[in-house]
Amino acid sequence: MEKRTARLTLLVDPNKKAAFEKLCAQEDVTPSQKIRQFMRDYIEEKLGTDWREEVFSDDVAP
């Protein structure tokens, strides 16, 4: 299970934020859920399907 203890702060165009929030609502997901999905997909694209072992190993600093 992922720990959700880190915060990521982004500055985005208010119009893009509003459009993103509207699209997320249409999919019945929160913006945070969608961003986490985008991050997982990107990490898998770059590190491969076994990325969890690399990312969640004890050797990786938080």
Protein backbone atom coordinates (compact mmCIF):
# COMPACT_ATOMS: atom_id res chain seq x y z
CA MET A 1 0.00 0.00 0.00
CA GLU A 2 1.28 3.43 -0.88
CA LYS A 3 1.95 5.90 1.90
CA ARG A 4 0.22 9.20 1.24
CA THR A 5 2.36 11.44 3.39
CA ALA A 6 4.18 13.61 0.85
CA ARG A 7 2.69 16.78 -0.55
CA LEU A 8 3.25 18.04 -4.08
CA THR A 9 2.33 21.67 -4.71
CA LEU A 10 1.80 22.83 -8.28
CA LEU A 11 1.10 26.19 -9.82
CA VAL A 12 -1.20 25.88 -12.82
CA ASP A 13 -3.29 28.13 -14.99
CA PRO A 14 -6.68 28.63 -13.27
CA ASN A 15 -8.58 27.83 -16.48
CA LYS A 16 -6.71 24.55 -16.93
CA LYS A 17 -7.33 23.70 -13.28
CA ALA A 18 -11.06 24.31 -13.66
CA ALA A 19 -11.22 22.21 -16.84
CA PHE A 20 -9.24 19.41 -15.15
CA GLU A 21 -11.52 19.43 -12.11
CA LYS A 22 -14.61 19.32 -14.35
CA LEU A 23 -13.23 16.35 -16.32
CA CYS A 24 -12.31 14.53 -13.11
CA ALA A 25 -15.83 15.05 -11.78
CA GLN A 26 -17.24 13.56 -14.99
CA GLU A 27 -15.11 10.44 -14.33
CA ASP A 28 -16.11 10.43 -10.66
CA VAL A 29 -12.50 10.72 -9.48
CA THR A 30 -10.80 13.43 -7.48
CA PRO A 31 -8.03 15.49 -9.06
CA SER A 32 -5.60 13.90 -6.58
CA GLN A 33 -6.62 10.41 -7.68
CA LYS A 34 -6.09 11.34 -11.32
CA ILE A 35 -2.67 12.91 -10.66
CA ARG A 36 -1.59 9.77 -8.76
CA GLN A 37 -2.76 7.68 -11.73
CA PHE A 38 -0.77 9.88 -14.14
CA MET A 39 2.29 9.50 -11.93
CA ARG A 40 1.97 5.69 -11.74
CA ASP A 41 1.55 5.47 -15.52
CA TYR A 42 4.57 7.72 -16.14
CA ILE A 43 6.78 5.81 -13.68
CA GLU A 44 5.77 2.51 -15.30
CA GLU A 45 6.51 3.92 -18.75
CA LYS A 46 10.01 4.97 -17.66
CA LEU A 47 10.93 2.15 -15.26
CA GLY A 48 8.90 -0.78 -16.55
CA THR A 49 6.15 -2.88 -15.07
CA ASP A 50 8.25 -4.00 -12.07
CA TRP A 51 8.86 -0.43 -10.89
CA ARG A 52 7.22 -0.92 -7.48
CA GLU A 53 10.08 -3.08 -6.25
CA GLU A 54 12.58 -0.38 -7.20
CA VAL A 55 10.56 2.57 -5.92
CA PHE A 56 9.32 1.02 -2.66
CA SER A 57 12.55 -0.73 -1.68
CA ASP A 58 14.04 0.12 1.73
CA ASP A 59 17.14 1.51 0.03
CA VAL A 60 15.29 4.45 -1.51
CA ALA A 61 15.27 7.65 0.52
CA PRO A 62 11.88 9.31 1.04
